[in-house]
Amino acid sequence: MPTTMLGMLGVLLCVLAVRADVMPQADFDLQKVGGTWYLVGFATNADWFVSRKADMKMGTVTLTPQSNGDLEMDYSSLKSDGRCKRMNHLAKKTDTPGRFAYRSHRWGSDDDMRVVDVKYDEYALFHAIKTKDGSSHFINKLYSRTQDPSQAVLDKFTKFSLEQGILRKNIAILPKSGQCSAEAGTSSSSSSSSL
């Protein structure tokens, strides 16, 4: 039994070490990441994901670079009842280009977000470490300029998530959904860690 516990502790320490070493893409260009993206992939080691995975659908995010280096993120997704769910938060720049920090008031977490891989006209892979009450989990998101990213991009997202210790069942390629219109009813939040 002690050997099993030591083995599990070793695996946990390896996962934590990998997570801590995730760095933003070199030569990150804040201006080029701006614009509208589709959220096509979502992966996490958080327990809540299993029960919510089936309800998640593709949404959009508009990234707006700020003159001071911060990044505004405006999310929208169409709910099954036709209402539009909109969320907004401002990610504050850090000393490392491509790394941002923000407080999720909705979930009460402090978030450390990194843009780890980006081809500005095609895809962006984000990795966020979310800490609340002394415990942490992480979320990987795959954004695409189109609703149909290439299989190579999807495979890259899956491989990266597996390398972070995320179980394959907790890696989701999100189904397409209708887009929010100006007429759609709205439910909103000032911040969210789920998108």
C-alpha atoms as a PDB file:
ATOM      1  CA  MET A   1       0.000   0.000   0.000  1.00  0.00           C
ATOM      2  CA  PRO A   2       2.760   2.566   0.839  1.00  0.00           C
ATOM      3  CA  THR A   3       4.392   1.812  -2.532  1.00  0.00           C
ATOM      4  CA  THR A   4       1.117   2.539  -4.341  1.00  0.00           C
ATOM      5  CA  MET A   5       0.709   5.855  -2.508  1.00  0.00           C
ATOM      6  CA  LEU A   6       4.294   6.840  -3.320  1.00  0.00           C
ATOM      7  CA  GLY A   7       3.679   6.000  -6.976  1.00  0.00           C
ATOM      8  CA  MET A   8       0.539   8.142  -7.042  1.00  0.00           C
ATOM      9  CA  LEU A   9       2.407  10.999  -5.370  1.00  0.00           C
ATOM     10  CA  GLY A  10       5.144  10.721  -7.993  1.00  0.00           C
ATOM     11  CA  VAL A  11       2.605  10.956 -10.831  1.00  0.00           C
ATOM     12  CA  LEU A  12       0.975  13.983  -9.192  1.00  0.00           C
ATOM     13  CA  LEU A  13       4.314  15.741  -8.792  1.00  0.00           C
ATOM     14  CA  CYS A  14       5.144  15.076 -12.460  1.00  0.00           C
ATOM     15  CA  VAL A  15       1.817  16.547 -13.572  1.00  0.00           C
ATOM     16  CA  LEU A  16       2.341  19.616 -11.381  1.00  0.00           C
ATOM     17  CA  ALA A  17       5.861  20.071 -12.740  1.00  0.00           C
ATOM     18  CA  VAL A  18       4.649  19.869 -16.344  1.00  0.00           C
ATOM     19  CA  ARG A  19       1.872  22.350 -15.626  1.00  0.00           C
ATOM     20  CA  ALA A  20       4.274  24.837 -14.016  1.00  0.00           C
ATOM     21  CA  ASP A  21       6.603  24.684 -17.026  1.00  0.00           C
ATOM     22  CA  VAL A  22       3.984  25.610 -19.648  1.00  0.00           C
ATOM     23  CA  MET A  23       5.310  28.784 -21.218  1.00  0.00           C
ATOM     24  CA  PRO A  24       3.756  31.228 -23.688  1.00  0.00           C
ATOM     25  CA  GLN A  25       4.799  31.081 -27.315  1.00  0.00           C
ATOM     26  CA  ALA A  26       8.044  32.923 -27.985  1.00  0.00           C
ATOM     27  CA  ASP A  27       7.684  36.221 -29.866  1.00  0.00           C
ATOM     28  CA  PHE A  28       3.998  36.494 -28.929  1.00  0.00           C
ATOM     29  CA  ASP A  29       2.311  39.387 -30.778  1.00  0.00           C
ATOM     30  CA  LEU A  30      -0.640  40.801 -28.842  1.00  0.00           C
ATOM     31  CA  GLN A  31      -2.009  42.786 -31.794  1.00  0.00           C
ATOM     32  CA  LYS A  32      -2.120  39.774 -34.111  1.00  0.00           C
ATOM     33  CA  VAL A  33      -4.154  37.685 -31.647  1.00  0.00           C
ATOM     34  CA  GLY A  34      -6.964  40.238 -31.752  1.00  0.00           C
ATOM     35  CA  GLY A  35     -10.263  39.590 -33.507  1.00  0.00           C
ATOM     36  CA  THR A  36     -12.971  36.944 -33.429  1.00  0.00           C
ATOM     37  CA  TRP A  37     -12.264  33.286 -32.721  1.00  0.00           C
ATOM     38  CA  TYR A  38     -14.411  30.167 -32.332  1.00  0.00           C
ATOM     39  CA  LEU A  39     -13.982  28.100 -29.173  1.00  0.00           C
ATOM     40  CA  VAL A  40     -13.692  24.635 -30.738  1.00  0.00           C
ATOM     41  CA  GLY A  41     -11.818  22.637 -28.106  1.00  0.00           C
ATOM     42  CA  PHE A  42     -11.997  22.436 -24.307  1.00  0.00           C
ATOM     43  CA  ALA A  43     -10.042  20.208 -21.923  1.00  0.00           C
ATOM     44  CA  THR A  44      -9.577  20.242 -18.165  1.00  0.00           C
ATOM     45  CA  ASN A  45      -8.617  18.181 -15.151  1.00  0.00           C
ATOM     46  CA  ALA A  46     -11.463  19.763 -13.122  1.00  0.00           C
ATOM     47  CA  ASP A  47     -14.024  17.367 -11.630  1.00  0.00           C
ATOM     48  CA  TRP A  48     -17.042  19.458 -12.694  1.00  0.00           C
ATOM     49  CA  PHE A  49     -16.322  18.937 -16.399  1.00  0.00           C
ATOM     50  CA  VAL A  50     -17.680  15.381 -16.548  1.00  0.00           C
ATOM     51  CA  SER A  51     -21.224  16.468 -15.689  1.00  0.00           C
ATOM     52  CA  ARG A  52     -21.207  19.544 -17.977  1.00  0.00           C
ATOM     53  CA  LYS A  53     -19.347  18.247 -21.001  1.00  0.00           C
ATOM     54  CA  ALA A  54     -22.450  17.054 -22.874  1.00  0.00           C
ATOM     55  CA  ASP A  55     -24.050  20.518 -22.701  1.00  0.00           C
ATOM     56  CA  MET A  56     -21.058  22.468 -24.008  1.00  0.00           C
ATOM     57  CA  LYS A  57     -21.188  23.826 -27.543  1.00  0.00           C
ATOM     58  CA  MET A  58     -19.014  25.971 -29.757  1.00  0.00           C
ATOM     59  CA  GLY A  59     -19.066  29.671 -28.893  1.00  0.00           C
ATOM     60  CA  THR A  60     -17.135  32.739 -29.985  1.00  0.00           C
ATOM     61  CA  VAL A  61     -14.670  35.036 -28.295  1.00  0.00           C
ATOM     62  CA  THR A  62     -13.569  38.455 -29.464  1.00  0.00           C
ATOM     63  CA  LEU A  63     -10.095  39.317 -28.230  1.00  0.00           C
ATOM     64  CA  THR A  64      -9.341  43.029 -28.074  1.00  0.00           C
ATOM     65  CA  PRO A  65      -5.746  44.052 -27.320  1.00  0.00           C
ATOM     66  CA  GLN A  66      -5.504  47.117 -25.092  1.00  0.00           C
ATOM     67  CA  SER A  67      -2.931  49.878 -25.543  1.00  0.00           C
ATOM     68  CA  ASN A  68      -1.386  49.041 -22.138  1.00  0.00           C
ATOM     69  CA  GLY A  69      -0.846  45.359 -23.064  1.00  0.00           C
ATOM     70  CA  ASP A  70      -3.941  43.928 -21.385  1.00  0.00           C
ATOM     71  CA  LEU A  71      -6.365  41.698 -23.305  1.00  0.00           C
ATOM     72  CA  GLU A  72     -10.147  42.136 -23.211  1.00  0.00           C
ATOM     73  CA  MET A  73     -12.109  38.930 -23.835  1.00  0.00           C
ATOM     74  CA  ASP A  74     -15.775  39.011 -24.867  1.00  0.00           C
ATOM     75  CA  TYR A  75     -17.441  35.594 -25.008  1.00  0.00           C
ATOM     76  CA  SER A  76     -20.816  34.659 -26.450  1.00  0.00           C
ATOM     77  CA  SER A  77     -22.623  31.374 -26.941  1.00  0.00           C
ATOM     78  CA  LEU A  78     -26.151  30.455 -27.928  1.00  0.00           C
ATOM     79  CA  LYS A  79     -28.052  28.459 -25.315  1.00  0.00           C
ATOM     80  CA  SER A  80     -30.534  25.721 -26.212  1.00  0.00           C
ATOM     81  CA  ASP A  81     -33.476  28.037 -25.441  1.00  0.00           C
ATOM     82  CA  GLY A  82     -32.241  30.585 -27.990  1.00  0.00           C
ATOM     83  CA  ARG A  83     -30.917  33.041 -25.435  1.00  0.00           C
ATOM     84  CA  CYS A  84     -27.413  34.392 -25.799  1.00  0.00           C
ATOM     85  CA  LYS A  85     -24.960  33.939 -22.960  1.00  0.00           C
ATOM     86  CA  ARG A  86     -22.387  36.733 -22.945  1.00  0.00           C
ATOM     87  CA  MET A  87     -19.374  37.150 -20.675  1.00  0.00           C
ATOM     88  CA  ASN A  88     -16.537  39.622 -20.493  1.00  0.00           C
ATOM     89  CA  HIS A  89     -13.348  39.929 -18.554  1.00  0.00           C
ATOM     90  CA  LEU A  90     -10.079  41.774 -18.773  1.00  0.00           C
ATOM     91  CA  ALA A  91      -6.858  39.763 -18.605  1.00  0.00           C
ATOM     92  CA  LYS A  92      -4.024  41.869 -17.212  1.00  0.00           C
ATOM     93  CA  LYS A  93      -0.589  41.625 -18.789  1.00  0.00           C
ATOM     94  CA  THR A  94       2.343  40.213 -16.831  1.00  0.00           C
ATOM     95  CA  ASP A  95       6.076  40.685 -17.322  1.00  0.00           C
ATOM     96  CA  THR A  96       6.025  37.741 -19.747  1.00  0.00           C
ATOM     97  CA  PRO A  97       4.502  38.418 -23.200  1.00  0.00           C
ATOM     98  CA  GLY A  98       1.619  36.013 -23.834  1.00  0.00           C
ATOM     99  CA  ARG A  99       0.940  35.473 -20.130  1.00  0.00           C
ATOM    100  CA  PHE A 100      -1.989  37.169 -18.404  1.00  0.00           C
ATOM    101  CA  ALA A 101      -3.647  37.176 -14.983  1.00  0.00           C
ATOM    102  CA  TYR A 102      -7.222  37.872 -13.982  1.00  0.00           C
ATOM    103  CA  ARG A 103      -9.691  37.272 -11.196  1.00  0.00           C
ATOM    104  CA  SER A 104     -12.826  35.311 -12.063  1.00  0.00           C
ATOM    105  CA  HIS A 105     -15.484  36.881  -9.866  1.00  0.00           C
ATOM    106  CA  ARG A 106     -18.073  34.331 -10.973  1.00  0.00           C
ATOM    107  CA  TRP A 107     -16.014  31.342  -9.806  1.00  0.00           C
ATOM    108  CA  GLY A 108     -13.833  33.085  -7.216  1.00  0.00           C
ATOM    109  CA  SER A 109     -10.604  31.886  -8.800  1.00  0.00           C
ATOM    110  CA  ASP A 110      -7.322  33.590  -9.617  1.00  0.00           C
ATOM    111  CA  ASP A 111      -6.378  32.701 -13.180  1.00  0.00           C
ATOM    112  CA  ASP A 112      -2.936  32.488 -14.771  1.00  0.00           C
ATOM    113  CA  MET A 113      -3.455  32.275 -18.541  1.00  0.00           C
ATOM    114  CA  ARG A 114      -0.823  31.629 -21.221  1.00  0.00           C
ATOM    115  CA  VAL A 115      -1.091  31.652 -25.019  1.00  0.00           C
ATOM    116  CA  VAL A 116       1.110  28.613 -25.600  1.00  0.00           C
ATOM    117  CA  ASP A 117       0.789  28.116 -29.359  1.00  0.00           C
ATOM    118  CA  VAL A 118      -0.696  30.426 -31.958  1.00  0.00           C
ATOM    119  CA  LYS A 119      -0.807  30.745 -35.726  1.00  0.00           C
ATOM    120  CA  TYR A 120      -2.597  34.076 -35.871  1.00  0.00           C
ATOM    121  CA  ASP A 121      -4.677  33.420 -38.987  1.00  0.00           C
ATOM    122  CA  GLU A 122      -5.599  29.855 -38.012  1.00  0.00           C
ATOM    123  CA  TYR A 123      -5.621  28.767 -34.339  1.00  0.00           C
ATOM    124  CA  ALA A 124      -4.634  29.702 -30.779  1.00  0.00           C
ATOM    125  CA  LEU A 125      -4.042  27.300 -27.887  1.00  0.00           C
ATOM    126  CA  PHE A 126      -4.602  28.774 -24.424  1.00  0.00           C
ATOM    127  CA  HIS A 127      -3.626  27.174 -21.098  1.00  0.00           C
ATOM    128  CA  ALA A 128      -4.976  28.547 -17.808  1.00  0.00           C
ATOM    129  CA  ILE A 129      -4.183  27.562 -14.239  1.00  0.00           C
ATOM    130  CA  LYS A 130      -7.116  28.371 -11.968  1.00  0.00           C
ATOM    131  CA  THR A 131      -6.583  28.579  -8.219  1.00  0.00           C
ATOM    132  CA  LYS A 132      -9.335  28.780  -5.609  1.00  0.00           C
ATOM    133  CA  ASP A 133      -9.123  28.157  -1.862  1.00  0.00           C
ATOM    134  CA  GLY A 134      -5.604  26.772  -2.167  1.00  0.00           C
ATOM    135  CA  SER A 135      -6.379  24.160  -4.838  1.00  0.00           C
ATOM    136  CA  SER A 136      -5.708  24.415  -8.564  1.00  0.00           C
ATOM    137  CA  HIS A 137      -6.924  22.923 -11.809  1.00  0.00           C
ATOM    138  CA  PHE A 138      -6.171  23.803 -15.371  1.00  0.00           C
ATOM    139  CA  ILE A 139      -8.085  24.346 -18.566  1.00  0.00           C
ATOM    140  CA  ASN A 140      -6.874  24.181 -22.149  1.00  0.00           C
ATOM    141  CA  LYS A 141      -8.872  25.931 -24.863  1.00  0.00           C
ATOM    142  CA  LEU A 142      -8.484  25.691 -28.609  1.00  0.00           C
ATOM    143  CA  TYR A 143      -9.620  28.732 -30.565  1.00  0.00           C
ATOM    144  CA  SER A 144      -9.937  28.713 -34.345  1.00  0.00           C
ATOM    145  CA  ARG A 145     -10.563  31.445 -36.913  1.00  0.00           C
ATOM    146  CA  THR A 146     -13.097  29.063 -38.518  1.00  0.00           C
ATOM    147  CA  GLN A 147     -15.597  26.535 -37.213  1.00  0.00           C
ATOM    148  CA  ASP A 148     -13.711  23.774 -39.025  1.00  0.00           C
ATOM    149  CA  PRO A 149     -10.062  23.643 -37.947  1.00  0.00           C
ATOM    150  CA  SER A 150      -7.815  21.129 -39.625  1.00  0.00           C
ATOM    151  CA  GLN A 151      -7.372  17.644 -38.185  1.00  0.00           C
ATOM    152  CA  ALA A 152      -3.716  18.502 -37.578  1.00  0.00           C
ATOM    153  CA  VAL A 153      -4.746  21.392 -35.305  1.00  0.00           C
ATOM    154  CA  LEU A 154      -7.259  19.207 -33.436  1.00  0.00           C
ATOM    155  CA  ASP A 155      -4.588  16.534 -32.984  1.00  0.00           C
ATOM    156  CA  LYS A 156      -2.133  19.149 -31.664  1.00  0.00           C
ATOM    157  CA  PHE A 157      -4.698  20.270 -29.074  1.00  0.00           C
ATOM    158  CA  THR A 158      -5.402  16.681 -27.986  1.00  0.00           C
ATOM    159  CA  LYS A 159      -1.700  15.826 -27.742  1.00  0.00           C
ATOM    160  CA  PHE A 160      -0.948  18.946 -25.675  1.00  0.00           C
ATOM    161  CA  SER A 161      -3.838  18.204 -23.306  1.00  0.00           C
ATOM    162  CA  LEU A 162      -2.751  14.588 -22.819  1.00  0.00           C
ATOM    163  CA  GLU A 163       0.779  15.805 -22.069  1.00  0.00           C
ATOM    164  CA  GLN A 164      -0.691  17.966 -19.290  1.00  0.00           C
ATOM    165  CA  GLY A 165      -2.153  14.865 -17.652  1.00  0.00           C
ATOM    166  CA  ILE A 166      -5.725  15.445 -18.783  1.00  0.00           C
ATOM    167  CA  LEU A 167      -7.650  12.225 -19.353  1.00  0.00           C
ATOM    168  CA  ARG A 168      -8.810  11.618 -22.926  1.00  0.00           C
ATOM    169  CA  LYS A 169     -12.451  11.588 -21.753  1.00  0.00           C
ATOM    170  CA  ASN A 170     -11.962  15.152 -20.468  1.00  0.00           C
ATOM    171  CA  ILE A 171     -10.881  16.481 -23.878  1.00  0.00           C
ATOM    172  CA  ALA A 172     -13.791  17.748 -25.952  1.00  0.00           C
ATOM    173  CA  ILE A 173     -14.060  18.995 -29.517  1.00  0.00           C
ATOM    174  CA  LEU A 174     -17.196  21.100 -29.225  1.00  0.00           C
ATOM    175  CA  PRO A 175     -20.160  20.675 -31.576  1.00  0.00           C
ATOM    176  CA  LYS A 176     -21.151  23.606 -33.760  1.00  0.00           C
ATOM    177  CA  SER A 177     -23.912  25.847 -32.533  1.00  0.00           C
ATOM    178  CA  GLY A 178     -25.860  28.807 -33.836  1.00  0.00           C
ATOM    179  CA  GLN A 179     -24.339  32.201 -33.231  1.00  0.00           C
ATOM    180  CA  CYS A 180     -25.733  34.973 -31.090  1.00  0.00           C
ATOM    181  CA  SER A 181     -27.568  37.738 -32.895  1.00  0.00           C
ATOM    182  CA  ALA A 182     -28.382  41.240 -31.765  1.00  0.00           C
ATOM    183  CA  GLU A 183     -31.998  40.130 -31.226  1.00  0.00           C
ATOM    184  CA  ALA A 184     -31.181  37.100 -29.051  1.00  0.00           C
ATOM    185  CA  GLY A 185     -32.079  37.411 -25.383  1.00  0.00           C
ATOM    186  CA  THR A 186     -29.082  37.777 -23.129  1.00  0.00           C
ATOM    187  CA  SER A 187     -27.836  36.342 -19.885  1.00  0.00           C
ATOM    188  CA  SER A 188     -24.555  37.817 -18.822  1.00  0.00           C
ATOM    189  CA  SER A 189     -21.758  37.676 -16.299  1.00  0.00           C
ATOM    190  CA  SER A 190     -18.831  39.960 -15.652  1.00  0.00           C
ATOM    191  CA  SER A 191     -16.419  37.061 -15.607  1.00  0.00           C
ATOM    192  CA  SER A 192     -16.278  33.345 -16.216  1.00  0.00           C
ATOM    193  CA  SER A 193     -13.793  30.542 -16.076  1.00  0.00           C
ATOM    194  CA  SER A 194     -15.898  28.077 -18.015  1.00  0.00           C
ATOM    195  CA  LEU A 195     -15.260  29.671 -21.414  1.00  0.00           C
END
